[in-house]
Protein backbone atom coordinates (compact mmCIF):
# COMPACT_ATOMS: atom_id res chain seq x y z
CA UNK A 1 168.73 -61.09 129.51
CA UNK A 2 169.86 -64.40 130.04
CA UNK A 3 173.58 -63.36 132.09
CA UNK A 4 171.63 -60.61 134.26
CA UNK A 5 172.15 -60.71 137.46
CA UNK A 6 168.94 -61.32 138.90
CA UNK A 7 168.94 -58.40 142.54
CA UNK A 8 169.30 -55.49 139.30
CA UNK A 9 165.61 -56.87 137.51
CA UNK A 10 162.92 -56.59 140.38
CA UNK A 11 165.00 -52.82 142.03
CA UNK A 12 164.33 -51.48 138.73
CA UNK A 13 160.54 -52.35 138.13
CA UNK A 14 159.59 -51.22 142.16
CA UNK A 15 161.80 -48.27 141.28
CA UNK A 16 159.53 -47.76 138.37
CA UNK A 17 156.52 -48.95 139.90
CA UNK A 18 156.61 -46.14 142.03
CA UNK A 19 157.56 -43.98 140.30
CA UNK A 20 154.78 -43.85 136.95
CA UNK A 21 152.29 -45.86 138.93
CA UNK A 22 149.09 -43.87 139.14
CA UNK A 23 146.87 -45.98 141.03
CA UNK A 24 149.35 -44.42 144.40
CA UNK A 25 146.85 -43.03 146.82
CA UNK A 26 148.60 -40.53 149.07
CA UNK A 27 145.42 -39.92 151.19
CA UNK A 28 143.56 -41.75 153.58
CA UNK A 29 139.87 -43.96 153.04
CA UNK A 30 137.20 -41.17 154.37
CA UNK A 31 135.10 -42.35 156.13
CA UNK A 32 131.14 -44.46 155.90
CA UNK A 33 129.43 -41.23 157.06
CA UNK A 34 131.99 -38.91 155.42
CA UNK A 35 131.27 -40.94 151.87
CA UNK A 36 127.81 -40.98 152.41
CA UNK A 37 127.12 -37.41 152.74
CA UNK A 38 129.66 -36.48 149.78
CA UNK A 39 127.40 -39.11 147.51
CA UNK A 40 124.12 -37.27 149.07
CA UNK A 41 125.31 -33.81 147.83
CA UNK A 42 125.88 -34.72 144.33
CA UNK A 43 122.92 -36.30 144.62
CA UNK A 44 121.20 -33.41 145.42
CA UNK A 45 123.07 -30.80 142.95
CA UNK A 46 122.00 -33.25 140.54
CA UNK A 47 118.03 -33.10 141.09
CA UNK A 48 118.36 -29.08 141.92
CA UNK A 49 120.00 -28.97 138.35
CA UNK A 50 116.33 -30.93 136.98
CA UNK A 51 114.56 -27.42 137.94
CA UNK A 52 112.62 -28.69 140.75
CA UNK A 53 111.12 -25.07 141.81
CA UNK A 54 107.99 -23.87 142.48
CA UNK A 55 108.40 -21.65 139.47
CA UNK A 56 109.69 -24.74 137.36
CA UNK A 57 106.77 -27.00 138.43
CA UNK A 58 103.94 -23.99 137.52
CA UNK A 59 105.51 -23.99 133.68
CA UNK A 60 105.84 -27.44 133.39
CA UNK A 61 101.71 -27.74 134.21
CA UNK A 62 100.87 -24.95 131.83
CA UNK A 63 102.73 -26.69 128.88
CA UNK A 64 100.99 -29.83 130.04
CA UNK A 65 96.91 -27.86 130.43
CA UNK A 66 98.20 -26.48 126.49
CA UNK A 67 99.21 -29.62 124.95
CA UNK A 68 96.20 -31.00 125.65
CA UNK A 69 94.15 -28.23 124.79
CA UNK A 70 96.04 -28.85 121.59
CA UNK A 71 98.64 -26.40 121.54
CA UNK A 72 100.15 -26.67 118.49
CA UNK A 73 103.94 -25.13 120.15
CA UNK A 74 102.87 -26.98 122.70
CA UNK A 75 102.97 -30.54 121.31
CA UNK A 76 105.11 -33.23 121.13
CA UNK A 77 106.81 -34.04 117.68
CA UNK A 78 104.97 -37.04 117.08
CA UNK A 79 101.47 -35.24 117.33
CA UNK A 80 102.61 -32.41 115.08
CA UNK A 81 101.14 -31.42 112.04
CA UNK A 82 98.14 -31.11 109.99
CA UNK A 83 97.91 -34.40 109.47
CA UNK A 84 98.11 -35.57 112.78
CA UNK A 85 95.87 -32.79 113.35
CA UNK A 86 93.08 -34.61 111.29
CA UNK A 87 94.16 -37.73 112.60
CA UNK A 88 93.30 -36.79 115.73
CA UNK A 89 90.16 -35.30 114.58
CA UNK A 90 88.76 -38.61 112.33
CA UNK A 91 89.06 -41.06 115.30
CA UNK A 92 87.77 -38.86 117.58
CA UNK A 93 84.67 -37.88 115.46
CA UNK A 94 83.59 -41.73 115.30
CA UNK A 95 82.48 -44.65 117.62
CA UNK A 96 85.79 -46.98 117.84
CA UNK A 97 85.70 -50.68 118.44
CA UNK A 98 89.04 -50.15 120.22
CA UNK A 99 87.67 -48.03 123.04
CA UNK A 100 86.37 -50.90 124.88
CA UNK A 101 89.23 -52.82 125.12
CA UNK A 102 90.19 -52.24 127.94
CA UNK A 103 87.63 -52.91 129.68
CA UNK A 104 86.84 -56.04 128.33
CA UNK A 105 90.60 -57.04 128.69
CA UNK A 106 89.60 -56.54 132.87
CA UNK A 107 86.00 -58.42 131.88
CA UNK A 108 87.89 -61.03 130.55
CA UNK A 109 91.17 -60.91 133.58
CA UNK A 110 87.86 -61.77 135.99
CA UNK A 111 86.05 -64.30 133.68
CA UNK A 112 89.69 -65.79 134.02
CA UNK A 113 89.84 -65.49 137.63
CA UNK A 114 86.77 -67.94 138.07
CA UNK A 115 87.69 -71.93 138.96
CA UNK A 116 84.91 -73.11 135.85
CA UNK A 117 86.21 -74.10 132.60
CA UNK A 118 83.00 -73.26 131.39
CA UNK A 119 83.69 -69.30 132.09
CA UNK A 120 87.74 -69.65 131.50
CA UNK A 121 86.59 -71.05 127.89
CA UNK A 122 84.25 -68.12 127.40
CA UNK A 123 86.37 -65.77 127.88
CA UNK A 124 88.87 -66.83 125.67
CA UNK A 125 86.11 -67.02 122.72
CA UNK A 126 85.29 -63.39 123.53
CA UNK A 127 88.79 -62.32 123.25
CA UNK A 128 89.02 -63.73 120.12
CA UNK A 129 86.23 -62.26 118.75
CA UNK A 130 87.14 -58.61 120.62
CA UNK A 131 90.09 -58.64 118.54
CA UNK A 132 88.83 -60.16 115.20
CA UNK A 133 86.33 -56.73 115.86
CA UNK A 134 89.19 -54.18 117.36
CA UNK A 135 91.53 -55.91 113.83
CA UNK A 136 88.48 -55.60 111.60
CA UNK A 137 87.40 -51.78 112.97
CA UNK A 138 91.14 -50.85 112.76
CA UNK A 139 91.62 -51.48 109.14
CA UNK A 140 87.97 -49.69 108.39
CA UNK A 141 89.02 -47.29 110.26
CA UNK A 142 92.17 -46.77 108.68
CA UNK A 143 91.13 -46.76 104.83
CA UNK A 144 89.15 -44.52 105.31
CA UNK A 145 90.97 -42.32 107.29
CA UNK A 146 93.61 -42.29 104.12
CA UNK A 147 90.81 -41.48 102.06
CA UNK A 148 89.36 -38.63 103.72
CA UNK A 149 92.52 -36.97 103.82
CA UNK A 150 93.61 -37.62 100.77
CA UNK A 151 90.30 -36.09 99.86
CA UNK A 152 90.90 -33.19 102.08
CA UNK A 153 95.16 -32.60 100.51
CA UNK A 154 95.85 -34.66 98.07
CA UNK A 155 99.81 -32.89 97.71
CA UNK A 156 100.67 -31.96 101.28
CA UNK A 157 99.11 -35.26 102.82
CA UNK A 158 101.88 -37.32 105.29
CA UNK A 159 100.80 -40.46 105.67
CA UNK A 160 104.14 -42.12 107.05
CA UNK A 161 102.81 -43.51 110.45
CA UNK A 162 99.79 -42.26 110.69
CA UNK A 163 97.87 -45.63 110.37
CA UNK A 164 99.79 -46.82 113.66
CA UNK A 165 99.10 -43.25 115.30
CA UNK A 166 95.22 -44.00 114.50
CA UNK A 167 94.67 -47.01 116.06
CA UNK A 168 96.91 -46.47 119.12
CA UNK A 169 94.34 -43.78 120.06
CA UNK A 170 91.08 -45.13 118.75
CA UNK A 171 92.76 -48.10 120.94
CA UNK A 172 92.74 -45.36 124.70
CA UNK A 173 89.47 -44.71 126.30
CA UNK A 174 88.33 -41.25 125.54
CA UNK A 175 88.50 -39.61 128.58
CA UNK A 176 92.17 -40.86 128.54
CA UNK A 177 93.31 -39.27 125.34
CA UNK A 178 96.01 -36.58 125.01
CA UNK A 179 96.02 -34.26 123.53
CA UNK A 180 91.96 -34.23 124.23
CA UNK A 181 89.01 -34.90 122.27
CA UNK A 182 88.39 -32.28 120.32
CA UNK A 183 85.23 -33.55 118.38
CA UNK A 184 81.98 -35.42 120.08
CA UNK A 185 81.21 -38.88 117.90
CA UNK A 186 79.06 -37.98 114.94
CA UNK A 187 80.83 -34.21 114.65
CA UNK A 188 82.76 -34.55 111.31
CA UNK A 189 86.14 -34.12 111.04
């Protein structure tokens, strides 16, 4: 190590690196035009794999229509099951304070743009009142939903995640709910 000839050492390293180094290129760099064309061809192949044909589109539209109609086989996993169906019908059969959340938030946003301090303070109080009313209404709705579901089928009632599911559905505007409402307000679930 200490007494070796210095000329031997670099020659062995260069010969070893040239034979075992896999990073040697061995071909010219493609032009920008060729590289971009190859990248676009790869991307085009990936989008074709996603299924953009007319038949695939029609199948997706048919699946969405069945899901909006409430067909159990077309629903997403979060919406499946008898307890979820009962929760949807229970929420749809009553008027909820949460339905007014989005229009109320829009009103508060518009009031916040005015330079008047009085209007800004009024919008703040409207915000607090709206959140309080929605929270109280949601608590009463969830309690009565659980009571009604356990009374209907006590042994097979799946209550896991049902409170959040029903509350989120109650916060949606009625026309935008998916799956669509099966009951009108005032009907019995």
